[in-house]
PDB file of N, CA and C in Angstrom:
ATOM      1  N   MET A   1       0.866  -1.176   0.000  1.00  0.00           N
ATOM      2  CA  MET A   1       0.000   0.000   0.000  1.00  0.00           C
ATOM      3  C   MET A   1       0.898   1.219   0.000  1.00  0.00           C
ATOM      4  N   THR A   2       0.527   2.195  -0.772  1.00  0.00           N
ATOM      5  CA  THR A   2       1.288   3.441  -0.806  1.00  0.00           C
ATOM      6  C   THR A   2       0.394   4.584  -0.359  1.00  0.00           C
ATOM      7  N   ILE A   3       1.022   5.598   0.158  1.00  0.00           N
ATOM      8  CA  ILE A   3       0.281   6.783   0.591  1.00  0.00           C
ATOM      9  C   ILE A   3       0.122   7.698  -0.614  1.00  0.00           C
ATOM     10  N   LYS A   4      -1.109   8.148  -0.874  1.00  0.00           N
ATOM     11  CA  LYS A   4      -1.384   9.000  -2.032  1.00  0.00           C
ATOM     12  C   LYS A   4      -0.729  10.368  -1.854  1.00  0.00           C
ATOM     13  N   GLY A   5      -0.435  10.991  -2.952  1.00  0.00           N
ATOM     14  CA  GLY A   5       0.127  12.334  -2.923  1.00  0.00           C
ATOM     15  C   GLY A   5       1.642  12.353  -2.965  1.00  0.00           C
ATOM     16  N   THR A   6       2.261  11.189  -3.031  1.00  0.00           N
ATOM     17  CA  THR A   6       3.723  11.132  -3.136  1.00  0.00           C
ATOM     18  C   THR A   6       4.077  10.584  -4.502  1.00  0.00           C
ATOM     19  N   LYS A   7       5.238  10.983  -5.000  1.00  0.00           N
ATOM     20  CA  LYS A   7       5.649  10.517  -6.326  1.00  0.00           C
ATOM     21  C   LYS A   7       5.905   9.011  -6.331  1.00  0.00           C
ATOM     22  N   LYS A   8       6.781   8.574  -5.481  1.00  0.00           N
ATOM     23  CA  LYS A   8       7.131   7.158  -5.462  1.00  0.00           C
ATOM     24  C   LYS A   8       6.210   6.369  -4.551  1.00  0.00           C
ATOM     25  N   GLY A   9       5.643   7.008  -3.582  1.00  0.00           N
ATOM     26  CA  GLY A   9       4.772   6.325  -2.633  1.00  0.00           C
ATOM     27  C   GLY A   9       5.576   5.745  -1.484  1.00  0.00           C
ATOM     28  N   ILE A  10       4.988   5.746  -0.329  1.00  0.00           N
ATOM     29  CA  ILE A  10       5.617   5.182   0.857  1.00  0.00           C
ATOM     30  C   ILE A  10       4.906   3.870   1.148  1.00  0.00           C
ATOM     31  N   LYS A  11       5.677   2.800   1.229  1.00  0.00           N
ATOM     32  CA  LYS A  11       5.088   1.496   1.511  1.00  0.00           C
ATOM     33  C   LYS A  11       4.948   1.318   3.014  1.00  0.00           C
ATOM     34  N   ILE A  12       3.802   0.826   3.409  1.00  0.00           N
ATOM     35  CA  ILE A  12       3.554   0.525   4.815  1.00  0.00           C
ATOM     36  C   ILE A  12       3.762  -0.982   4.970  1.00  0.00           C
ATOM     37  N   PRO A  13       4.833  -1.390   5.655  1.00  0.00           N
ATOM     38  CA  PRO A  13       5.213  -2.811   5.686  1.00  0.00           C
ATOM     39  C   PRO A  13       4.115  -3.756   6.178  1.00  0.00           C
ATOM     40  N   GLY A  14       3.423  -3.417   7.225  1.00  0.00           N
ATOM     41  CA  GLY A  14       2.395  -4.313   7.761  1.00  0.00           C
ATOM     42  C   GLY A  14       1.266  -4.556   6.789  1.00  0.00           C
ATOM     43  N   VAL A  15       0.820  -3.510   6.138  1.00  0.00           N
ATOM     44  CA  VAL A  15      -0.283  -3.621   5.182  1.00  0.00           C
ATOM     45  C   VAL A  15       0.172  -4.402   3.947  1.00  0.00           C
ATOM     46  N   THR A  16       1.378  -4.128   3.493  1.00  0.00           N
ATOM     47  CA  THR A  16       1.933  -4.846   2.338  1.00  0.00           C
ATOM     48  C   THR A  16       2.025  -6.333   2.645  1.00  0.00           C
ATOM     49  N   PHE A  17       2.507  -6.664   3.828  1.00  0.00           N
ATOM     50  CA  PHE A  17       2.633  -8.066   4.230  1.00  0.00           C
ATOM     51  C   PHE A  17       1.268  -8.754   4.233  1.00  0.00           C
ATOM     52  N   LEU A  18       0.270  -8.116   4.815  1.00  0.00           N
ATOM     53  CA  LEU A  18      -1.057  -8.723   4.887  1.00  0.00           C
ATOM     54  C   LEU A  18      -1.675  -8.904   3.500  1.00  0.00           C
ATOM     55  N   ARG A  19      -1.444  -7.957   2.616  1.00  0.00           N
ATOM     56  CA  ARG A  19      -1.957  -8.116   1.236  1.00  0.00           C
ATOM     57  C   ARG A  19      -1.281  -9.278   0.534  1.00  0.00           C
ATOM     58  N   GLU A  20       0.036  -9.415   0.746  1.00  0.00           N
ATOM     59  CA  GLU A  20       0.760 -10.527   0.124  1.00  0.00           C
ATOM     60  C   GLU A  20       0.293 -11.866   0.690  1.00  0.00           C
ATOM     61  N   VAL A  21       0.013 -11.904   1.982  1.00  0.00           N
ATOM     62  CA  VAL A  21      -0.509 -13.131   2.593  1.00  0.00           C
ATOM     63  C   VAL A  21      -1.855 -13.485   1.987  1.00  0.00           C
ATOM     64  N   ALA A  22      -2.739 -12.509   1.845  1.00  0.00           N
ATOM     65  CA  ALA A  22      -4.059 -12.754   1.260  1.00  0.00           C
ATOM     66  C   ALA A  22      -3.934 -13.268  -0.174  1.00  0.00           C
ATOM     67  N   LEU A  23      -3.029 -12.676  -0.951  1.00  0.00           N
ATOM     68  CA  LEU A  23      -2.828 -13.139  -2.328  1.00  0.00           C
ATOM     69  C   LEU A  23      -2.297 -14.566  -2.357  1.00  0.00           C
ATOM     70  N   GLU A  24      -1.381 -14.872  -1.461  1.00  0.00           N
ATOM     71  CA  GLU A  24      -0.793 -16.210  -1.421  1.00  0.00           C
ATOM     72  C   GLU A  24      -1.845 -17.246  -1.011  1.00  0.00           C
ATOM     73  N   LEU A  25      -2.723 -16.895  -0.092  1.00  0.00           N
ATOM     74  CA  LEU A  25      -3.786 -17.819   0.313  1.00  0.00           C
ATOM     75  C   LEU A  25      -4.775 -18.064  -0.816  1.00  0.00           C
ATOM     76  N   GLN A  26      -4.993 -17.081  -1.668  1.00  0.00           N
ATOM     77  CA  GLN A  26      -5.883 -17.266  -2.815  1.00  0.00           C
ATOM     78  C   GLN A  26      -5.254 -18.194  -3.845  1.00  0.00           C
ATOM     79  N   ARG A  27      -3.937 -18.164  -3.960  1.00  0.00           N
ATOM     80  CA  ARG A  27      -3.237 -19.007  -4.937  1.00  0.00           C
ATOM     81  C   ARG A  27      -3.063 -20.444  -4.457  1.00  0.00           C
ATOM     82  N   THR A  28      -3.253 -20.671  -3.169  1.00  0.00           N
ATOM     83  CA  THR A  28      -3.029 -21.989  -2.596  1.00  0.00           C
ATOM     84  C   THR A  28      -4.070 -22.973  -3.099  1.00  0.00           C
ATOM     85  N   GLU A  29      -3.606 -24.164  -3.439  1.00  0.00           N
ATOM     86  CA  GLU A  29      -4.520 -25.222  -3.864  1.00  0.00           C
ATOM     87  C   GLU A  29      -4.843 -26.061  -2.631  1.00  0.00           C
ATOM     88  N   TRP A  30      -6.073 -25.912  -2.123  1.00  0.00           N
ATOM     89  CA  TRP A  30      -6.481 -26.584  -0.908  1.00  0.00           C
ATOM     90  C   TRP A  30      -6.940 -27.997  -1.214  1.00  0.00           C
ATOM     91  N   LEU A  31      -6.756 -28.898  -0.249  1.00  0.00           N
ATOM     92  CA  LEU A  31      -7.204 -30.277  -0.406  1.00  0.00           C
ATOM     93  C   LEU A  31      -8.719 -30.353  -0.262  1.00  0.00           C
ATOM     94  N   SER A  32      -9.286 -31.353  -0.906  1.00  0.00           N
ATOM     95  CA  SER A  32     -10.732 -31.578  -0.757  1.00  0.00           C
ATOM     96  C   SER A  32     -10.985 -32.256   0.592  1.00  0.00           C
ATOM     97  N   ALA A  33     -12.218 -32.250   1.020  1.00  0.00           N
ATOM     98  CA  ALA A  33     -12.583 -32.883   2.292  1.00  0.00           C
ATOM     99  C   ALA A  33     -12.278 -34.381   2.256  1.00  0.00           C
ATOM    100  N   LYS A  34     -12.480 -34.992   1.102  1.00  0.00           N
ATOM    101  CA  LYS A  34     -12.211 -36.430   0.960  1.00  0.00           C
ATOM    102  C   LYS A  34     -10.714 -36.709   1.117  1.00  0.00           C
ATOM    103  N   GLU A  35      -9.883 -35.875   0.519  1.00  0.00           N
ATOM    104  CA  GLU A  35      -8.434 -36.047   0.643  1.00  0.00           C
ATOM    105  C   GLU A  35      -7.965 -35.826   2.082  1.00  0.00           C
ATOM    106  N   VAL A  36      -8.535 -34.830   2.742  1.00  0.00           N
ATOM    107  CA  VAL A  36      -8.165 -34.550   4.137  1.00  0.00           C
ATOM    108  C   VAL A  36      -8.534 -35.738   5.016  1.00  0.00           C
ATOM    109  N   ALA A  37      -9.725 -36.311   4.817  1.00  0.00           N
ATOM    110  CA  ALA A  37     -10.162 -37.459   5.608  1.00  0.00           C
ATOM    111  C   ALA A  37      -9.246 -38.661   5.368  1.00  0.00           C
ATOM    112  N   LYS A  38      -8.907 -38.908   4.108  1.00  0.00           N
ATOM    113  CA  LYS A  38      -8.050 -40.044   3.761  1.00  0.00           C
ATOM    114  C   LYS A  38      -6.670 -39.890   4.375  1.00  0.00           C
ATOM    115  N   LEU A  39      -6.069 -38.720   4.233  1.00  0.00           N
ATOM    116  CA  LEU A  39      -4.732 -38.502   4.761  1.00  0.00           C
ATOM    117  C   LEU A  39      -4.717 -38.486   6.286  1.00  0.00           C
ATOM    118  N   SER A  40      -5.776 -37.971   6.897  1.00  0.00           N
ATOM    119  CA  SER A  40      -5.878 -37.987   8.356  1.00  0.00           C
ATOM    120  C   SER A  40      -5.952 -39.418   8.870  1.00  0.00           C
ATOM    121  N   PHE A  41      -6.719 -40.254   8.187  1.00  0.00           N
ATOM    122  CA  PHE A  41      -6.829 -41.665   8.562  1.00  0.00           C
ATOM    123  C   PHE A  41      -5.466 -42.345   8.475  1.00  0.00           C
ATOM    124  N   ILE A  42      -4.725 -42.070   7.418  1.00  0.00           N
ATOM    125  CA  ILE A  42      -3.391 -42.656   7.252  1.00  0.00           C
ATOM    126  C   ILE A  42      -2.467 -42.227   8.388  1.00  0.00           C
ATOM    127  N   VAL A  43      -2.512 -40.962   8.747  1.00  0.00           N
ATOM    128  CA  VAL A  43      -1.668 -40.453   9.832  1.00  0.00           C
ATOM    129  C   VAL A  43      -2.035 -41.127  11.151  1.00  0.00           C
ATOM    130  N   ILE A  44      -3.329 -41.290  11.418  1.00  0.00           N
ATOM    131  CA  ILE A  44      -3.771 -41.927  12.660  1.00  0.00           C
ATOM    132  C   ILE A  44      -3.316 -43.386  12.719  1.00  0.00           C
ATOM    133  N   ILE A  45      -3.426 -44.099  11.612  1.00  0.00           N
ATOM    134  CA  ILE A  45      -2.995 -45.506  11.563  1.00  0.00           C
ATOM    135  C   ILE A  45      -1.491 -45.611  11.800  1.00  0.00           C
ATOM    136  N   ILE A  46      -0.711 -44.771  11.137  1.00  0.00           N
ATOM    137  CA  ILE A  46       0.746 -44.812  11.309  1.00  0.00           C
ATOM    138  C   ILE A  46       1.134 -44.452  12.740  1.00  0.00           C
ATOM    139  N   ALA A  47       0.468 -43.442  13.314  1.00  0.00           N
ATOM    140  CA  ALA A  47       0.766 -43.049  14.695  1.00  0.00           C
ATOM    141  C   ALA A  47       0.428 -44.186  15.665  1.00  0.00           C
ATOM    142  N   ALA A  48      -0.695 -44.871  15.445  1.00  0.00           N
ATOM    143  CA  ALA A  48      -1.077 -45.986  16.311  1.00  0.00           C
ATOM    144  C   ALA A  48      -0.078 -47.138  16.188  1.00  0.00           C
ATOM    145  N   ALA A  49       0.333 -47.438  14.957  1.00  0.00           N
ATOM    146  CA  ALA A  49       1.303 -48.514  14.747  1.00  0.00           C
ATOM    147  C   ALA A  49       2.641 -48.177  15.405  1.00  0.00           C
ATOM    148  N   LEU A  50       3.079 -46.957  15.257  1.00  0.00           N
ATOM    149  CA  LEU A  50       4.330 -46.539  15.884  1.00  0.00           C
ATOM    150  C   LEU A  50       4.210 -46.573  17.403  1.00  0.00           C
ATOM    151  N   GLY A  51       3.069 -46.160  17.931  1.00  0.00           N
ATOM    152  CA  GLY A  51       2.836 -46.209  19.373  1.00  0.00           C
ATOM    153  C   GLY A  51       2.886 -47.630  19.902  1.00  0.00           C
ATOM    154  N   MET A  52       2.259 -48.566  19.178  1.00  0.00           N
ATOM    155  CA  MET A  52       2.292 -49.973  19.597  1.00  0.00           C
ATOM    156  C   MET A  52       3.713 -50.527  19.531  1.00  0.00           C
ATOM    157  N   PHE A  53       4.439 -50.185  18.482  1.00  0.00           N
ATOM    158  CA  PHE A  53       5.820 -50.636  18.352  1.00  0.00           C
ATOM    159  C   PHE A  53       6.662 -50.148  19.525  1.00  0.00           C
ATOM    160  N   LEU A  54       6.532 -48.876  19.862  1.00  0.00           N
ATOM    161  CA  LEU A  54       7.301 -48.326  20.983  1.00  0.00           C
ATOM    162  C   LEU A  54       6.870 -48.939  22.310  1.00  0.00           C
ATOM    163  N   HIS A  55       5.584 -49.233  22.447  1.00  0.00           N
ATOM    164  CA  HIS A  55       5.091 -49.877  23.667  1.00  0.00           C
ATOM    165  C   HIS A  55       5.755 -51.237  23.857  1.00  0.00           C
ATOM    166  N   PHE A  56       5.764 -52.057  22.800  1.00  0.00           N
ATOM    167  CA  PHE A  56       6.361 -53.385  22.914  1.00  0.00           C
ATOM    168  C   PHE A  56       7.879 -53.308  23.067  1.00  0.00           C
ATOM    169  N   LEU A  57       8.483 -52.323  22.452  1.00  0.00           N
ATOM    170  CA  LEU A  57       9.926 -52.118  22.632  1.00  0.00           C
ATOM    171  C   LEU A  57      10.214 -51.763  24.094  1.00  0.00           C
ATOM    172  N   ASP A  58       9.379 -50.925  24.677  1.00  0.00           N
ATOM    173  CA  ASP A  58       9.526 -50.551  26.081  1.00  0.00           C
ATOM    174  C   ASP A  58       9.337 -51.762  26.987  1.00  0.00           C
ATOM    175  N   LEU A  59       8.336 -52.591  26.696  1.00  0.00           N
ATOM    176  CA  LEU A  59       8.134 -53.807  27.485  1.00  0.00           C
ATOM    177  C   LEU A  59       9.357 -54.718  27.428  1.00  0.00           C
ATOM    178  N   GLY A  60       9.929 -54.847  26.242  1.00  0.00           N
ATOM    179  CA  GLY A  60      11.133 -55.667  26.080  1.00  0.00           C
ATOM    180  C   GLY A  60      12.296 -55.131  26.897  1.00  0.00           C
ATOM    181  N   PHE A  61      12.488 -53.829  26.866  1.00  0.00           N
ATOM    182  CA  PHE A  61      13.577 -53.242  27.647  1.00  0.00           C
ATOM    183  C   PHE A  61      13.326 -53.392  29.149  1.00  0.00           C
ATOM    184  N   MET A  62      12.056 -53.286  29.563  1.00  0.00           N
ATOM    185  CA  MET A  62      11.749 -53.462  30.984  1.00  0.00           C
ATOM    186  C   MET A  62      12.078 -54.881  31.437  1.00  0.00           C
ATOM    187  N   ARG A  63      11.744 -55.876  30.630  1.00  0.00           N
ATOM    188  CA  ARG A  63      12.060 -57.252  30.979  1.00  0.00           C
ATOM    189  C   ARG A  63      13.563 -57.491  30.969  1.00  0.00           C
ATOM    190  N   LEU A  64      14.243 -56.882  30.018  1.00  0.00           N
ATOM    191  CA  LEU A  64      15.705 -57.026  29.954  1.00  0.00           C
ATOM    192  C   LEU A  64      16.366 -56.424  31.188  1.00  0.00           C
ATOM    193  N   VAL A  65      15.928 -55.269  31.586  1.00  0.00           N
ATOM    194  CA  VAL A  65      16.462 -54.634  32.788  1.00  0.00           C
ATOM    195  C   VAL A  65      16.094 -55.454  34.024  1.00  0.00           C
ATOM    196  N   GLY A  66      14.896 -56.029  34.025  1.00  0.00           N
ATOM    197  CA  GLY A  66      14.475 -56.871  35.141  1.00  0.00           C
ATOM    198  C   GLY A  66      15.342 -58.109  35.281  1.00  0.00           C
ATOM    199  N   LEU A  67      15.781 -58.668  34.152  1.00  0.00           N
ATOM    200  CA  LEU A  67      16.677 -59.837  34.195  1.00  0.00           C
ATOM    201  C   LEU A  67      18.064 -59.445  34.702  1.00  0.00           C
ATOM    202  N   ILE A  68      18.519 -58.263  34.327  1.00  0.00           N
ATOM    203  CA  ILE A  68      19.854 -57.818  34.728  1.00  0.00           C
ATOM    204  C   ILE A  68      19.869 -57.456  36.210  1.00  0.00           C
ATOM    205  N   VAL A  69      18.851 -56.797  36.676  1.00  0.00           N
ATOM    206  CA  VAL A  69      18.806 -56.329  38.063  1.00  0.00           C
ATOM    207  C   VAL A  69      18.267 -57.436  38.884  1.00  0.00           C
TER     208      VAL A  69
END
């Protein structure tokens, strides 16, 4: 944004930034609801599998430490 009445104009950084953000959000290609649901499901499954893996790994280490101590 420039201030009127000046030859070159004075840019106001905050306003310029917000306009650029708005333009960038308009150019963004957003996912459809179906894609979001599918990808969210995949993330939840992977997180659950990783959680179970770490749980059993922890159980194994607990038993190993129990044998040593």
